[in-house]
Amino acid sequence: SFQETNNPINAFIVRKEAKQHGKNQGIEGPDLKDNAKVAIVDDVI
């Protein structure tokens, strides 16, 4: 998205379990608050 468009898309990773230290995050990457519109992907369904 960065290389091919003028509209880069951020990436995020959903942890299987939230971290038990630091900020206890369950999602790594950009903040998804405020109704962020997202796509979900899975390598195999």
All heavy atoms as atom14 arrays in JSON, in Angstrom:
{
  "sequence": "SFQETNNPINAFIVRKEAKQHGKNQGIEGPDLKDNAKVAIVDDVI",
  "atom14_mask": [
    [1, 1, 1, 1, 1, 1, 0, 0, 0, 0, 0, 0, 0, 0],
    [1, 1, 1, 1, 1, 1, 1, 1, 1, 1, 1, 0, 0, 0],
    [1, 1, 1, 1, 1, 1, 1, 1, 1, 0, 0, 0, 0, 0],
    [1, 1, 1, 1, 1, 1, 1, 1, 1, 0, 0, 0, 0, 0],
    [1, 1, 1, 1, 1, 1, 1, 0, 0, 0, 0, 0, 0, 0],
    [1, 1, 1, 1, 1, 1, 1, 1, 0, 0, 0, 0, 0, 0],
    [1, 1, 1, 1, 1, 1, 1, 1, 0, 0, 0, 0, 0, 0],
    [1, 1, 1, 1, 1, 1, 1, 0, 0, 0, 0, 0, 0, 0],
    [1, 1, 1, 1, 1, 1, 1, 1, 0, 0, 0, 0, 0, 0],
    [1, 1, 1, 1, 1, 1, 1, 1, 0, 0, 0, 0, 0, 0],
    [1, 1, 1, 1, 1, 0, 0, 0, 0, 0, 0, 0, 0, 0],
    [1, 1, 1, 1, 1, 1, 1, 1, 1, 1, 1, 0, 0, 0],
    [1, 1, 1, 1, 1, 1, 1, 1, 0, 0, 0, 0, 0, 0],
    [1, 1, 1, 1, 1, 1, 1, 0, 0, 0, 0, 0, 0, 0],
    [1, 1, 1, 1, 1, 1, 1, 1, 1, 1, 1, 0, 0, 0],
    [1, 1, 1, 1, 1, 1, 1, 1, 1, 0, 0, 0, 0, 0],
    [1, 1, 1, 1, 1, 1, 1, 1, 1, 0, 0, 0, 0, 0],
    [1, 1, 1, 1, 1, 0, 0, 0, 0, 0, 0, 0, 0, 0],
    [1, 1, 1, 1, 1, 1, 1, 1, 1, 0, 0, 0, 0, 0],
    [1, 1, 1, 1, 1, 1, 1, 1, 1, 0, 0, 0, 0, 0],
    [1, 1, 1, 1, 1, 1, 1, 1, 1, 1, 0, 0, 0, 0],
    [1, 1, 1, 1, 0, 0, 0, 0, 0, 0, 0, 0, 0, 0],
    [1, 1, 1, 1, 1, 1, 1, 1, 1, 0, 0, 0, 0, 0],
    [1, 1, 1, 1, 1, 1, 1, 1, 0, 0, 0, 0, 0, 0],
    [1, 1, 1, 1, 1, 1, 1, 1, 1, 0, 0, 0, 0, 0],
    [1, 1, 1, 1, 0, 0, 0, 0, 0, 0, 0, 0, 0, 0],
    [1, 1, 1, 1, 1, 1, 1, 1, 0, 0, 0, 0, 0, 0],
    [1, 1, 1, 1, 1, 1, 1, 1, 1, 0, 0, 0, 0, 0],
    [1, 1, 1, 1, 0, 0, 0, 0, 0, 0, 0, 0, 0, 0],
    [1, 1, 1, 1, 1, 1, 1, 0, 0, 0, 0, 0, 0, 0],
    [1, 1, 1, 1, 1, 1, 1, 1, 0, 0, 0, 0, 0, 0],
    [1, 1, 1, 1, 1, 1, 1, 1, 0, 0, 0, 0, 0, 0],
    [1, 1, 1, 1, 1, 1, 1, 1, 1, 0, 0, 0, 0, 0],
    [1, 1, 1, 1, 1, 1, 1, 1, 0, 0, 0, 0, 0, 0],
    [1, 1, 1, 1, 1, 1, 1, 1, 0, 0, 0, 0, 0, 0],
    [1, 1, 1, 1, 1, 0, 0, 0, 0, 0, 0, 0, 0, 0],
    [1, 1, 1, 1, 1, 1, 1, 1, 1, 0, 0, 0, 0, 0],
    [1, 1, 1, 1, 1, 1, 1, 0, 0, 0, 0, 0, 0, 0],
    [1, 1, 1, 1, 1, 0, 0, 0, 0, 0, 0, 0, 0, 0],
    [1, 1, 1, 1, 1, 1, 1, 1, 0, 0, 0, 0, 0, 0],
    [1, 1, 1, 1, 1, 1, 1, 0, 0, 0, 0, 0, 0, 0],
    [1, 1, 1, 1, 1, 1, 1, 1, 0, 0, 0, 0, 0, 0],
    [1, 1, 1, 1, 1, 1, 1, 1, 0, 0, 0, 0, 0, 0],
    [1, 1, 1, 1, 1, 1, 1, 0, 0, 0, 0, 0, 0, 0],
    [1, 1, 1, 1, 1, 1, 1, 1, 0, 0, 0, 0, 0, 0]
  ],
  "atom14_positions": [
    [[0.83, -1.21, 0.0], [0.0, 0.0, 0.0], [0.87, 1.26, 0.0], [0.51, 2.26, -0.62], [-0.96, 0.0, 1.19], [-0.29, 0.29, 2.41], [0.0, 0.0, 0.0], [0.0, 0.0, 0.0], [0.0, 0.0, 0.0], [0.0, 0.0, 0.0], [0.0, 0.0, 0.0], [0.0, 0.0, 0.0], [0.0, 0.0, 0.0], [0.0, 0.0, 0.0]],
    [[2.0, 1.21, 0.67], [2.91, 2.35, 0.69], [3.58, 2.54, -0.67], [3.72, 3.66, -1.17], [3.98, 2.16, 1.77], [5.0, 3.26, 1.79], [4.7, 4.5, 2.33], [6.26, 3.06, 1.27], [5.64, 5.51, 2.35], [7.21, 4.06, 1.27], [6.9, 5.3, 1.82], [0.0, 0.0, 0.0], [0.0, 0.0, 0.0], [0.0, 0.0, 0.0]],
    [[3.99, 1.43, -1.3], [4.71, 1.51, -2.56], [3.81, 1.75, -3.77], [4.24, 2.36, -4.75], [5.51, 0.22, -2.78], [6.63, 0.05, -1.79], [7.35, -1.28, -1.93], [6.81, -2.26, -2.44], [8.59, -1.32, -1.47], [0.0, 0.0, 0.0], [0.0, 0.0, 0.0], [0.0, 0.0, 0.0], [0.0, 0.0, 0.0], [0.0, 0.0, 0.0]],
    [[2.57, 1.27, -3.71], [1.74, 1.26, -4.9], [0.6, 2.27, -4.89], [-0.07, 2.44, -5.92], [1.15, -0.14, -5.12], [2.22, -1.2, -5.33], [1.65, -2.6, -5.42], [0.45, -2.76, -5.68], [2.45, -3.56, -5.24], [0.0, 0.0, 0.0], [0.0, 0.0, 0.0], [0.0, 0.0, 0.0], [0.0, 0.0, 0.0], [0.0, 0.0, 0.0]],
    [[0.33, 2.92, -3.76], [-0.82, 3.83, -3.7], [-0.44, 5.11, -2.96], [0.63, 5.21, -2.36], [-2.02, 3.2, -2.96], [-1.75, 3.17, -1.55], [-2.32, 1.79, -3.46], [0.0, 0.0, 0.0], [0.0, 0.0, 0.0], [0.0, 0.0, 0.0], [0.0, 0.0, 0.0], [0.0, 0.0, 0.0], [0.0, 0.0, 0.0], [0.0, 0.0, 0.0]],
    [[-1.36, 6.04, -2.98], [-1.21, 7.26, -2.19], [-1.96, 7.14, -0.86], [-2.16, 8.14, -0.18], [-1.75, 8.48, -2.97], [-0.86, 8.81, -4.15], [0.35, 8.62, -4.1], [-1.47, 9.28, -5.21], [0.0, 0.0, 0.0], [0.0, 0.0, 0.0], [0.0, 0.0, 0.0], [0.0, 0.0, 0.0], [0.0, 0.0, 0.0], [0.0, 0.0, 0.0]],
    [[-2.4, 5.93, -0.54], [-3.2, 5.71, 0.66], [-2.65, 4.52, 1.44], [-3.24, 3.45, 1.42], [-4.66, 5.48, 0.26], [-5.57, 5.44, 1.46], [-5.3, 6.05, 2.48], [-6.65, 4.7, 1.33], [0.0, 0.0, 0.0], [0.0, 0.0, 0.0], [0.0, 0.0, 0.0], [0.0, 0.0, 0.0], [0.0, 0.0, 0.0], [0.0, 0.0, 0.0]],
    [[-1.53, 4.69, 2.15], [-0.95, 3.57, 2.89], [-1.91, 3.04, 3.96], [-2.66, 3.79, 4.58], [0.3, 4.14, 3.53], [0.53, 5.46, 2.89], [-0.74, 5.91, 2.29], [0.0, 0.0, 0.0], [0.0, 0.0, 0.0], [0.0, 0.0, 0.0], [0.0, 0.0, 0.0], [0.0, 0.0, 0.0], [0.0, 0.0, 0.0], [0.0, 0.0, 0.0]],
    [[-1.86, 1.74, 4.15], [-2.69, 1.04, 5.14], [-1.77, 0.53, 6.24], [-0.78, -0.14, 5.97], [-3.44, -0.14, 4.48], [-4.37, 0.37, 3.37], [-4.21, -0.94, 5.52], [-4.96, -0.75, 2.52], [0.0, 0.0, 0.0], [0.0, 0.0, 0.0], [0.0, 0.0, 0.0], [0.0, 0.0, 0.0], [0.0, 0.0, 0.0], [0.0, 0.0, 0.0]],
    [[-2.1, 0.86, 7.48], [-1.33, 0.36, 8.62], [-1.55, -1.12, 8.84], [-2.62, -1.66, 8.52], [-1.74, 1.1, 9.9], [-1.26, 2.52, 9.92], [-0.1, 2.79, 9.66], [-2.15, 3.44, 10.22], [0.0, 0.0, 0.0], [0.0, 0.0, 0.0], [0.0, 0.0, 0.0], [0.0, 0.0, 0.0], [0.0, 0.0, 0.0], [0.0, 0.0, 0.0]],
    [[-0.56, -1.78, 9.42], [-0.68, -3.19, 9.79], [-0.78, -3.29, 11.31], [-0.23, -2.47, 12.04], [0.54, -3.97, 9.31], [0.0, 0.0, 0.0], [0.0, 0.0, 0.0], [0.0, 0.0, 0.0], [0.0, 0.0, 0.0], [0.0, 0.0, 0.0], [0.0, 0.0, 0.0], [0.0, 0.0, 0.0], [0.0, 0.0, 0.0], [0.0, 0.0, 0.0]],
    [[-1.52, -4.31, 11.79], [-1.57, -4.61, 13.21], [-1.61, -6.12, 13.4], [-1.94, -6.87, 12.49], [-2.75, -3.92, 13.91], [-4.1, -4.42, 13.47], [-4.73, -5.47, 14.12], [-4.76, -3.82, 12.41], [-5.97, -5.92, 13.71], [-6.0, -4.25, 11.99], [-6.62, -5.31, 12.65], [0.0, 0.0, 0.0], [0.0, 0.0, 0.0], [0.0, 0.0, 0.0]],
    [[-1.24, -6.53, 14.6], [-1.2, -7.96, 14.93], [-2.02, -8.18, 16.19], [-1.85, -7.47, 17.19], [0.25, -8.42, 15.14], [1.05, -8.27, 13.84], [0.3, -9.86, 15.64], [2.54, -8.39, 14.02], [0.0, 0.0, 0.0], [0.0, 0.0, 0.0], [0.0, 0.0, 0.0], [0.0, 0.0, 0.0], [0.0, 0.0, 0.0], [0.0, 0.0, 0.0]],
    [[-2.89, -9.17, 16.15], [-3.7, -9.53, 17.31], [-2.98, -10.67, 18.03], [-2.75, -11.73, 17.45], [-5.12, -9.97, 16.89], [-5.94, -10.38, 18.11], [-5.81, -8.87, 16.1], [0.0, 0.0, 0.0], [0.0, 0.0, 0.0], [0.0, 0.0, 0.0], [0.0, 0.0, 0.0], [0.0, 0.0, 0.0], [0.0, 0.0, 0.0], [0.0, 0.0, 0.0]],
    [[-2.62, -10.42, 19.29], [-1.97, -11.46, 20.1], [-3.0, -12.52, 20.49], [-4.18, -12.21, 20.65], [-1.39, -10.86, 21.38], [-0.21, -9.96, 21.17], [0.24, -9.39, 22.53], [1.47, -8.68, 22.4], [2.68, -9.26, 22.48], [2.78, -10.54, 22.69], [3.76, -8.54, 22.35], [0.0, 0.0, 0.0], [0.0, 0.0, 0.0], [0.0, 0.0, 0.0]],
    [[-2.53, -13.76, 20.66], [-3.44, -14.81, 21.11], [-3.91, -14.53, 22.53], [-5.05, -14.82, 22.89], [-2.77, -16.17, 21.01], [-2.54, -16.53, 19.54], [-2.01, -17.9, 19.33], [-1.81, -18.05, 17.83], [-1.48, -19.34, 17.38], [0.0, 0.0, 0.0], [0.0, 0.0, 0.0], [0.0, 0.0, 0.0], [0.0, 0.0, 0.0], [0.0, 0.0, 0.0]],
    [[-3.04, -13.93, 23.34], [-3.38, -13.49, 24.69], [-2.7, -12.15, 24.92], [-1.58, -11.94, 24.47], [-2.9, -14.49, 25.73], [-3.59, -15.83, 25.67], [-3.09, -16.79, 26.74], [-2.5, -16.35, 27.73], [-3.29, -17.99, 26.54], [0.0, 0.0, 0.0], [0.0, 0.0, 0.0], [0.0, 0.0, 0.0], [0.0, 0.0, 0.0], [0.0, 0.0, 0.0]],
    [[-3.37, -11.27, 25.64], [-2.77, -9.97, 25.94], [-1.5, -10.15, 26.75], [-1.39, -11.08, 27.56], [-3.76, -9.1, 26.71], [0.0, 0.0, 0.0], [0.0, 0.0, 0.0], [0.0, 0.0, 0.0], [0.0, 0.0, 0.0], [0.0, 0.0, 0.0], [0.0, 0.0, 0.0], [0.0, 0.0, 0.0], [0.0, 0.0, 0.0], [0.0, 0.0, 0.0]],
    [[-0.54, -9.25, 26.53], [0.7, -9.28, 27.31], [0.37, -9.09, 28.78], [-0.57, -8.38, 29.12], [1.65, -8.16, 26.88], [2.27, -8.35, 25.54], [3.38, -7.38, 25.2], [3.28, -6.01, 25.73], [4.35, -5.11, 25.26], [0.0, 0.0, 0.0], [0.0, 0.0, 0.0], [0.0, 0.0, 0.0], [0.0, 0.0, 0.0], [0.0, 0.0, 0.0]],
    [[1.14, -9.69, 29.64], [0.93, -9.56, 31.08], [1.89, -8.55, 31.7], [2.07, -8.53, 32.9], [1.08, -10.93, 31.75], [0.09, -11.96, 31.26], [-1.36, -11.51, 31.42], [-1.77, -11.1, 32.49], [-2.12, -11.56, 30.33], [0.0, 0.0, 0.0], [0.0, 0.0, 0.0], [0.0, 0.0, 0.0], [0.0, 0.0, 0.0], [0.0, 0.0, 0.0]],
    [[2.52, -7.73, 30.86], [3.45, -6.71, 31.34], [3.34, -5.49, 30.43], [2.59, -5.51, 29.45], [4.88, -7.26, 31.36], [5.36, -7.73, 30.03], [5.01, -8.95, 29.51], [6.13, -7.13, 29.1], [5.57, -9.09, 28.31], [6.24, -8.0, 28.04], [0.0, 0.0, 0.0], [0.0, 0.0, 0.0], [0.0, 0.0, 0.0], [0.0, 0.0, 0.0]],
    [[4.07, -4.46, 30.76], [4.03, -3.23, 29.96], [2.64, -2.64, 29.94], [2.03, -2.41, 30.98], [0.0, 0.0, 0.0], [0.0, 0.0, 0.0], [0.0, 0.0, 0.0], [0.0, 0.0, 0.0], [0.0, 0.0, 0.0], [0.0, 0.0, 0.0], [0.0, 0.0, 0.0], [0.0, 0.0, 0.0], [0.0, 0.0, 0.0], [0.0, 0.0, 0.0]],
    [[2.09, -2.46, 28.77], [0.76, -1.86, 28.61], [-0.34, -2.91, 28.5], [-1.49, -2.58, 28.21], [0.76, -0.94, 27.39], [1.65, 0.29, 27.58], [1.87, 1.08, 26.31], [0.63, 1.65, 25.72], [0.88, 2.44, 24.5], [0.0, 0.0, 0.0], [0.0, 0.0, 0.0], [0.0, 0.0, 0.0], [0.0, 0.0, 0.0], [0.0, 0.0, 0.0]],
    [[0.01, -4.19, 28.68], [-0.96, -5.29, 28.63], [-1.76, -5.3, 27.32], [-2.95, -5.55, 27.31], [-1.93, -5.24, 29.81], [-1.22, -5.37, 31.13], [-0.22, -6.07, 31.25], [-1.72, -4.69, 32.14], [0.0, 0.0, 0.0], [0.0, 0.0, 0.0], [0.0, 0.0, 0.0], [0.0, 0.0, 0.0], [0.0, 0.0, 0.0], [0.0, 0.0, 0.0]],
    [[-1.07, -5.03, 26.23], [-1.75, -4.93, 24.95], [-2.11, -6.29, 24.37], [-1.32, -7.22, 24.41], [-0.87, -4.16, 23.95], [-0.66, -2.73, 24.35], [0.08, -1.93, 23.32], [-0.17, -0.75, 23.24], [0.96, -2.49, 22.54], [0.0, 0.0, 0.0], [0.0, 0.0, 0.0], [0.0, 0.0, 0.0], [0.0, 0.0, 0.0], [0.0, 0.0, 0.0]],
    [[-3.28, -6.33, 23.76], [-3.71, -7.52, 23.04], [-3.57, -7.34, 21.55], [-3.63, -8.29, 20.79], [0.0, 0.0, 0.0], [0.0, 0.0, 0.0], [0.0, 0.0, 0.0], [0.0, 0.0, 0.0], [0.0, 0.0, 0.0], [0.0, 0.0, 0.0], [0.0, 0.0, 0.0], [0.0, 0.0, 0.0], [0.0, 0.0, 0.0], [0.0, 0.0, 0.0]],
    [[-3.4, -6.08, 21.14], [-3.22, -5.76, 19.72], [-1.99, -4.87, 19.6], [-1.87, -3.86, 20.29], [-4.46, -5.04, 19.15], [-5.68, -5.96, 19.27], [-4.21, -4.6, 17.71], [-6.98, -5.32, 18.83], [0.0, 0.0, 0.0], [0.0, 0.0, 0.0], [0.0, 0.0, 0.0], [0.0, 0.0, 0.0], [0.0, 0.0, 0.0], [0.0, 0.0, 0.0]],
    [[-1.07, -5.27, 18.72], [0.16, -4.5, 18.48], [0.02, -3.74, 17.18], [-0.46, -4.27, 16.18], [1.37, -5.44, 18.4], [1.63, -6.24, 19.66], [2.07, -5.39, 20.83], [2.49, -4.23, 20.63], [1.99, -5.89, 21.96], [0.0, 0.0, 0.0], [0.0, 0.0, 0.0], [0.0, 0.0, 0.0], [0.0, 0.0, 0.0], [0.0, 0.0, 0.0]],
    [[0.45, -2.49, 17.2], [0.38, -1.66, 16.01], [-0.38, -0.39, 16.31], [-0.39, 0.07, 17.45], [0.0, 0.0, 0.0], [0.0, 0.0, 0.0], [0.0, 0.0, 0.0], [0.0, 0.0, 0.0], [0.0, 0.0, 0.0], [0.0, 0.0, 0.0], [0.0, 0.0, 0.0], [0.0, 0.0, 0.0], [0.0, 0.0, 0.0], [0.0, 0.0, 0.0]],
    [[-1.06, 0.17, 15.29], [-1.75, 1.43, 15.5], [-2.94, 1.29, 16.44], [-3.5, 0.21, 16.58], [-2.21, 1.82, 14.09], [-2.37, 0.51, 13.4], [-1.26, -0.36, 13.95], [0.0, 0.0, 0.0], [0.0, 0.0, 0.0], [0.0, 0.0, 0.0], [0.0, 0.0, 0.0], [0.0, 0.0, 0.0], [0.0, 0.0, 0.0], [0.0, 0.0, 0.0]],
    [[-3.32, 2.39, 17.06], [-4.48, 2.43, 17.93], [-5.73, 2.27, 17.06], [-5.92, 3.0, 16.09], [-4.49, 3.78, 18.65], [-5.46, 3.83, 19.8], [-6.21, 2.87, 19.99], [-5.44, 4.85, 20.5], [0.0, 0.0, 0.0], [0.0, 0.0, 0.0], [0.0, 0.0, 0.0], [0.0, 0.0, 0.0], [0.0, 0.0, 0.0], [0.0, 0.0, 0.0]],
    [[-6.59, 1.32, 17.4], [-7.79, 1.05, 16.59], [-9.05, 1.66, 17.19], [-10.14, 1.32, 16.8], [-7.97, -0.46, 16.42], [-6.83, -1.18, 15.72], [-7.13, -2.66, 15.6], [-6.54, -0.58, 14.35], [0.0, 0.0, 0.0], [0.0, 0.0, 0.0], [0.0, 0.0, 0.0], [0.0, 0.0, 0.0], [0.0, 0.0, 0.0], [0.0, 0.0, 0.0]],
    [[-8.89, 2.6, 18.12], [-10.05, 3.27, 18.71], [-10.69, 4.19, 17.69], [-10.2, 4.36, 16.57], [-9.61, 4.09, 19.92], [-9.11, 3.24, 21.06], [-8.65, 4.13, 22.19], [-8.02, 3.28, 23.27], [-7.4, 4.07, 24.32], [0.0, 0.0, 0.0], [0.0, 0.0, 0.0], [0.0, 0.0, 0.0], [0.0, 0.0, 0.0], [0.0, 0.0, 0.0]],
    [[-11.76, 4.82, 18.11], [-12.45, 5.82, 17.29], [-12.94, 5.25, 15.96], [-12.83, 5.87, 14.91], [-11.55, 7.04, 17.02], [-11.09, 7.71, 18.31], [-11.9, 7.76, 19.26], [-9.93, 8.15, 18.37], [0.0, 0.0, 0.0], [0.0, 0.0, 0.0], [0.0, 0.0, 0.0], [0.0, 0.0, 0.0], [0.0, 0.0, 0.0], [0.0, 0.0, 0.0]],
    [[-13.46, 4.03, 16.03], [-14.09, 3.41, 14.86], [-13.16, 3.22, 13.67], [-13.56, 3.38, 12.53], [-15.33, 4.21, 14.44], [-16.36, 4.26, 15.54], [-16.61, 3.26, 16.21], [-16.96, 5.41, 15.74], [0.0, 0.0, 0.0], [0.0, 0.0, 0.0], [0.0, 0.0, 0.0], [0.0, 0.0, 0.0], [0.0, 0.0, 0.0], [0.0, 0.0, 0.0]],
    [[-11.9, 2.89, 13.93], [-10.97, 2.6, 12.84], [-11.56, 1.49, 11.97], [-12.08, 0.5, 12.48], [-9.62, 2.17, 13.39], [0.0, 0.0, 0.0], [0.0, 0.0, 0.0], [0.0, 0.0, 0.0], [0.0, 0.0, 0.0], [0.0, 0.0, 0.0], [0.0, 0.0, 0.0], [0.0, 0.0, 0.0], [0.0, 0.0, 0.0], [0.0, 0.0, 0.0]],
    [[-11.5, 1.68, 10.67], [-12.02, 0.69, 9.73], [-10.89, -0.27, 9.38], [-9.84, 0.16, 8.92], [-12.57, 1.38, 8.5], [-13.79, 2.22, 8.81], [-14.29, 2.95, 7.6], [-15.5, 3.76, 8.0], [-15.84, 4.75, 7.0], [0.0, 0.0, 0.0], [0.0, 0.0, 0.0], [0.0, 0.0, 0.0], [0.0, 0.0, 0.0], [0.0, 0.0, 0.0]],
    [[-11.13, -1.56, 9.59], [-10.06, -2.54, 9.4], [-10.49, -3.73, 8.56], [-11.67, -4.05, 8.46], [-9.52, -3.06, 10.76], [-9.09, -1.91, 11.65], [-10.53, -3.92, 11.47], [0.0, 0.0, 0.0], [0.0, 0.0, 0.0], [0.0, 0.0, 0.0], [0.0, 0.0, 0.0], [0.0, 0.0, 0.0], [0.0, 0.0, 0.0], [0.0, 0.0, 0.0]],
    [[-9.49, -4.36, 7.97], [-9.64, -5.65, 7.29], [-8.93, -6.68, 8.16], [-7.87, -6.4, 8.72], [-9.02, -5.6, 5.9], [0.0, 0.0, 0.0], [0.0, 0.0, 0.0], [0.0, 0.0, 0.0], [0.0, 0.0, 0.0], [0.0, 0.0, 0.0], [0.0, 0.0, 0.0], [0.0, 0.0, 0.0], [0.0, 0.0, 0.0], [0.0, 0.0, 0.0]],
    [[-9.51, -7.86, 8.25], [-8.91, -8.97, 8.98], [-8.41, -9.97, 7.96], [-9.09, -10.26, 6.97], [-9.94, -9.65, 9.91], [-10.47, -8.67, 10.96], [-9.37, -10.91, 10.55], [-9.44, -8.21, 11.97], [0.0, 0.0, 0.0], [0.0, 0.0, 0.0], [0.0, 0.0, 0.0], [0.0, 0.0, 0.0], [0.0, 0.0, 0.0], [0.0, 0.0, 0.0]],
    [[-7.22, -10.54, 8.19], [-6.72, -11.58, 7.3], [-6.3, -12.78, 8.11], [-5.94, -12.68, 9.27], [-5.56, -11.12, 6.39], [-5.47, -9.67, 6.23], [-4.25, -11.64, 6.73], [0.0, 0.0, 0.0], [0.0, 0.0, 0.0], [0.0, 0.0, 0.0], [0.0, 0.0, 0.0], [0.0, 0.0, 0.0], [0.0, 0.0, 0.0], [0.0, 0.0, 0.0]],
    [[-6.38, -13.92, 7.47], [-5.88, -15.16, 8.02], [-5.18, -15.88, 6.88], [-5.65, -15.83, 5.74], [-7.04, -16.01, 8.56], [-6.59, -17.06, 9.56], [-5.36, -17.27, 9.71], [-7.45, -17.68, 10.19], [0.0, 0.0, 0.0], [0.0, 0.0, 0.0], [0.0, 0.0, 0.0], [0.0, 0.0, 0.0], [0.0, 0.0, 0.0], [0.0, 0.0, 0.0]],
    [[-4.04, -16.52, 7.18], [-3.31, -17.16, 6.09], [-4.05, -18.38, 5.56], [-3.99, -18.68, 4.39], [-1.87, -17.51, 6.5], [-1.77, -18.5, 7.64], [-2.74, -18.68, 8.39], [-0.69, -19.11, 7.78], [0.0, 0.0, 0.0], [0.0, 0.0, 0.0], [0.0, 0.0, 0.0], [0.0, 0.0, 0.0], [0.0, 0.0, 0.0], [0.0, 0.0, 0.0]],
    [[-4.79, -19.08, 6.41], [-5.59, -20.24, 6.01], [-6.87, -20.22, 6.83], [-6.82, -19.97, 8.03], [-4.86, -21.57, 6.29], [-5.75, -22.75, 6.0], [-3.58, -21.66, 5.5], [0.0, 0.0, 0.0], [0.0, 0.0, 0.0], [0.0, 0.0, 0.0], [0.0, 0.0, 0.0], [0.0, 0.0, 0.0], [0.0, 0.0, 0.0], [0.0, 0.0, 0.0]],
    [[-7.99, -20.48, 6.2], [-9.23, -20.58, 6.96], [-9.76, -22.0, 6.8], [-10.08, -22.43, 5.69], [-10.28, -19.55, 6.51], [-9.82, -18.16, 6.88], [-11.64, -19.86, 7.15], [-10.8, -17.05, 6.64], [0.0, 0.0, 0.0], [0.0, 0.0, 0.0], [0.0, 0.0, 0.0], [0.0, 0.0, 0.0], [0.0, 0.0, 0.0], [0.0, 0.0, 0.0]]
  ]
}
